[in-house]
C-alpha atoms as a PDB file:
ATOM      1  CA  UNK A   1      12.193  -0.846 -17.356  1.00  0.00           C
ATOM      2  CA  UNK A   2      11.582  -0.537 -21.433  1.00  0.00           C
ATOM      3  CA  UNK A   3       8.005  -2.613 -21.081  1.00  0.00           C
ATOM      4  CA  UNK A   4       7.112   0.592 -18.848  1.00  0.00           C
ATOM      5  CA  UNK A   5       6.890   2.580 -21.195  1.00  0.00           C
ATOM      6  CA  UNK A   6       8.773   6.301 -21.245  1.00  0.00           C
ATOM      7  CA  UNK A   7       7.547   7.325 -18.822  1.00  0.00           C
ATOM      8  CA  UNK A   8       9.083   5.366 -16.395  1.00  0.00           C
ATOM      9  CA  UNK A   9      12.096   6.035 -15.185  1.00  0.00           C
ATOM     10  CA  UNK A  10      14.525   4.469 -11.817  1.00  0.00           C
ATOM     11  CA  UNK A  11      16.088   6.826  -9.139  1.00  0.00           C
ATOM     12  CA  UNK A  12      16.477   7.127  -5.782  1.00  0.00           C
ATOM     13  CA  UNK A  13      13.831   8.371  -3.649  1.00  0.00           C
ATOM     14  CA  UNK A  14      14.024  12.087  -3.630  1.00  0.00           C
ATOM     15  CA  UNK A  15      14.616  11.974  -7.489  1.00  0.00           C
ATOM     16  CA  UNK A  16      11.202  10.494  -7.641  1.00  0.00           C
ATOM     17  CA  UNK A  17       9.091  12.537  -5.379  1.00  0.00           C
ATOM     18  CA  UNK A  18      10.416  15.638  -7.311  1.00  0.00           C
ATOM     19  CA  UNK A  19       9.277  13.488 -10.756  1.00  0.00           C
ATOM     20  CA  UNK A  20       5.821  12.450 -10.921  1.00  0.00           C
ATOM     21  CA  UNK A  21       2.404  12.259  -8.554  1.00  0.00           C
ATOM     22  CA  UNK A  22       2.355   8.499  -7.997  1.00  0.00           C
ATOM     23  CA  UNK A  23       5.358   6.390  -6.415  1.00  0.00           C
ATOM     24  CA  UNK A  24       6.187   2.980  -6.722  1.00  0.00           C
ATOM     25  CA  UNK A  25       8.910   1.966  -4.255  1.00  0.00           C
ATOM     26  CA  UNK A  26      10.582  -1.481  -5.878  1.00  0.00           C
ATOM     27  CA  UNK A  27      12.597  -3.388  -3.540  1.00  0.00           C
ATOM     28  CA  UNK A  28      15.340  -5.983  -5.850  1.00  0.00           C
ATOM     29  CA  UNK A  29      14.449  -9.478  -4.079  1.00  0.00           C
ATOM     30  CA  UNK A  30      18.437  -9.619  -4.099  1.00  0.00           C
ATOM     31  CA  UNK A  31      18.597  -6.848  -1.841  1.00  0.00           C
ATOM     32  CA  UNK A  32      15.826  -8.681   0.498  1.00  0.00           C
ATOM     33  CA  UNK A  33      15.381 -12.312  -0.476  1.00  0.00           C
ATOM     34  CA  UNK A  34      13.624 -12.754   2.787  1.00  0.00           C
ATOM     35  CA  UNK A  35      11.335 -10.163   2.219  1.00  0.00           C
ATOM     36  CA  UNK A  36      10.688 -11.813  -1.146  1.00  0.00           C
ATOM     37  CA  UNK A  37       9.975 -15.052   0.951  1.00  0.00           C
ATOM     38  CA  UNK A  38       7.660 -13.739   3.269  1.00  0.00           C
ATOM     39  CA  UNK A  39       5.205 -11.413   1.629  1.00  0.00           C
ATOM     40  CA  UNK A  40       5.050 -13.800  -1.191  1.00  0.00           C
ATOM     41  CA  UNK A  41       1.407 -14.826   0.974  1.00  0.00           C
ATOM     42  CA  UNK A  42       0.122 -12.252  -0.453  1.00  0.00           C
ATOM     43  CA  UNK A  43       0.280 -13.222  -4.249  1.00  0.00           C
ATOM     44  CA  UNK A  44      -1.727 -16.859  -3.046  1.00  0.00           C
ATOM     45  CA  UNK A  45      -4.949 -17.314  -2.768  1.00  0.00           C
ATOM     46  CA  UNK A  46      -6.869 -17.189   0.135  1.00  0.00           C
ATOM     47  CA  UNK A  47      -7.501 -13.692   2.274  1.00  0.00           C
ATOM     48  CA  UNK A  48      -4.872 -10.872   1.236  1.00  0.00           C
ATOM     49  CA  UNK A  49      -2.115  -9.613   3.359  1.00  0.00           C
ATOM     50  CA  UNK A  50      -3.912  -5.652   4.709  1.00  0.00           C
ATOM     51  CA  UNK A  51      -2.255  -2.314   3.552  1.00  0.00           C
ATOM     52  CA  UNK A  52      -2.914   0.451   5.545  1.00  0.00           C
ATOM     53  CA  UNK A  53      -3.858   3.880   3.734  1.00  0.00           C
ATOM     54  CA  UNK A  54      -4.166   7.138   4.665  1.00  0.00           C
ATOM     55  CA  UNK A  55      -4.496  10.440   2.324  1.00  0.00           C
ATOM     56  CA  UNK A  56      -5.786  13.934   2.054  1.00  0.00           C
ATOM     57  CA  UNK A  57      -6.288  13.827  -1.843  1.00  0.00           C
ATOM     58  CA  UNK A  58      -9.467  11.528  -2.447  1.00  0.00           C
ATOM     59  CA  UNK A  59      -7.570  11.312  -6.159  1.00  0.00           C
ATOM     60  CA  UNK A  60      -4.339   9.868  -4.994  1.00  0.00           C
ATOM     61  CA  UNK A  61      -6.407   7.467  -2.520  1.00  0.00           C
ATOM     62  CA  UNK A  62      -8.161   6.517  -5.946  1.00  0.00           C
ATOM     63  CA  UNK A  63      -4.649   5.448  -7.415  1.00  0.00           C
ATOM     64  CA  UNK A  64      -2.958   4.416  -4.290  1.00  0.00           C
ATOM     65  CA  UNK A  65      -5.660   1.277  -3.998  1.00  0.00           C
ATOM     66  CA  UNK A  66      -5.799   0.215  -7.296  1.00  0.00           C
ATOM     67  CA  UNK A  67      -2.310  -0.128  -7.284  1.00  0.00           C
ATOM     68  CA  UNK A  68      -2.602  -2.209  -4.198  1.00  0.00           C
ATOM     69  CA  UNK A  69      -5.376  -4.620  -5.583  1.00  0.00           C
ATOM     70  CA  UNK A  70      -3.065  -4.470  -8.297  1.00  0.00           C
ATOM     71  CA  UNK A  71       0.096  -6.089  -6.501  1.00  0.00           C
ATOM     72  CA  UNK A  72      -1.834  -8.366  -5.008  1.00  0.00           C
ATOM     73  CA  UNK A  73      -2.671  -7.156  -1.310  1.00  0.00           C
ATOM     74  CA  UNK A  74      -5.741  -6.072   0.688  1.00  0.00           C
ATOM     75  CA  UNK A  75      -6.739  -2.272   0.499  1.00  0.00           C
ATOM     76  CA  UNK A  76      -7.387  -0.795   4.371  1.00  0.00           C
ATOM     77  CA  UNK A  77      -8.140   2.933   4.144  1.00  0.00           C
ATOM     78  CA  UNK A  78      -7.581   4.352   6.833  1.00  0.00           C
ATOM     79  CA  UNK A  79      -8.597   8.407   6.144  1.00  0.00           C
ATOM     80  CA  UNK A  80      -7.133  11.553   5.725  1.00  0.00           C
ATOM     81  CA  UNK A  81      -3.142  11.735   6.599  1.00  0.00           C
ATOM     82  CA  UNK A  82      -3.730  12.634  10.518  1.00  0.00           C
ATOM     83  CA  UNK A  83      -4.769   9.132  10.983  1.00  0.00           C
ATOM     84  CA  UNK A  84      -1.555   7.089   9.142  1.00  0.00           C
ATOM     85  CA  UNK A  85      -0.366   7.530  13.023  1.00  0.00           C
ATOM     86  CA  UNK A  86      -2.558   4.481  13.727  1.00  0.00           C
ATOM     87  CA  UNK A  87      -0.446   2.262  11.498  1.00  0.00           C
ATOM     88  CA  UNK A  88       3.153   3.886  11.632  1.00  0.00           C
ATOM     89  CA  UNK A  89       6.070   2.284  12.472  1.00  0.00           C
ATOM     90  CA  UNK A  90       6.244   0.767  16.170  1.00  0.00           C
ATOM     91  CA  UNK A  91       2.313  -0.321  16.201  1.00  0.00           C
ATOM     92  CA  UNK A  92      -0.052  -3.557  15.500  1.00  0.00           C
ATOM     93  CA  UNK A  93      -0.370  -3.579  12.434  1.00  0.00           C
ATOM     94  CA  UNK A  94       3.164  -1.885  11.061  1.00  0.00           C
ATOM     95  CA  UNK A  95       4.567  -4.667   8.580  1.00  0.00           C
ATOM     96  CA  UNK A  96       2.635  -7.099  10.811  1.00  0.00           C
ATOM     97  CA  UNK A  97       1.006  -9.556   6.998  1.00  0.00           C
ATOM     98  CA  UNK A  98      -1.709  -9.359   8.696  1.00  0.00           C
ATOM     99  CA  UNK A  99      -5.128  -9.650   6.252  1.00  0.00           C
ATOM    100  CA  UNK A 100      -7.426  -6.822   5.733  1.00  0.00           C
ATOM    101  CA  UNK A 101     -10.231  -8.120   7.617  1.00  0.00           C
ATOM    102  CA  UNK A 102      -7.390  -8.133  10.726  1.00  0.00           C
ATOM    103  CA  UNK A 103      -6.048  -4.451   9.773  1.00  0.00           C
ATOM    104  CA  UNK A 104      -9.954  -3.225   9.417  1.00  0.00           C
ATOM    105  CA  UNK A 105     -10.857  -5.209  12.431  1.00  0.00           C
ATOM    106  CA  UNK A 106      -7.651  -3.956  14.665  1.00  0.00           C
ATOM    107  CA  UNK A 107      -7.744  -0.417  13.283  1.00  0.00           C
ATOM    108  CA  UNK A 108     -11.509  -0.170  13.962  1.00  0.00           C
ATOM    109  CA  UNK A 109     -13.464   2.825  13.897  1.00  0.00           C
ATOM    110  CA  UNK A 110     -10.775   4.389  12.511  1.00  0.00           C
ATOM    111  CA  UNK A 111     -11.334   2.489   8.542  1.00  0.00           C
ATOM    112  CA  UNK A 112     -13.093   3.180   6.245  1.00  0.00           C
ATOM    113  CA  UNK A 113     -14.566   1.846   3.320  1.00  0.00           C
ATOM    114  CA  UNK A 114     -14.306   2.131   0.246  1.00  0.00           C
ATOM    115  CA  UNK A 115     -15.866   1.086  -2.693  1.00  0.00           C
ATOM    116  CA  UNK A 116     -16.575   1.953  -5.979  1.00  0.00           C
ATOM    117  CA  UNK A 117     -13.868   4.659  -6.278  1.00  0.00           C
ATOM    118  CA  UNK A 118     -15.589   6.730  -3.600  1.00  0.00           C
ATOM    119  CA  UNK A 119     -14.227   7.155   0.093  1.00  0.00           C
ATOM    120  CA  UNK A 120     -17.475   5.718   2.201  1.00  0.00           C
END
């Protein structure tokens, strides 16, 4: 926590929502060891695991895309929040470990390209 700086705080999800504009959910691997083992592949060479994203706020999307890239994943920008149902619980792309290209292929026309900090 100290390395994150004075603006970083830990707490429960409801506290995080009321505290800041960007929320990072961190799951301790000791609590979810299988998650840590299976998601480790995202940080290997080669295609990265795709993370679908949706937002009504372009600036928030900029932040989310950079966080996903910094975490070692491939952001697949789907569009506005109404499109989030395309990758919600129970859909083919939910927690699938698909690469970014595979996510974009499954979501087809829903995915919008993200280039140079702007939604295309």
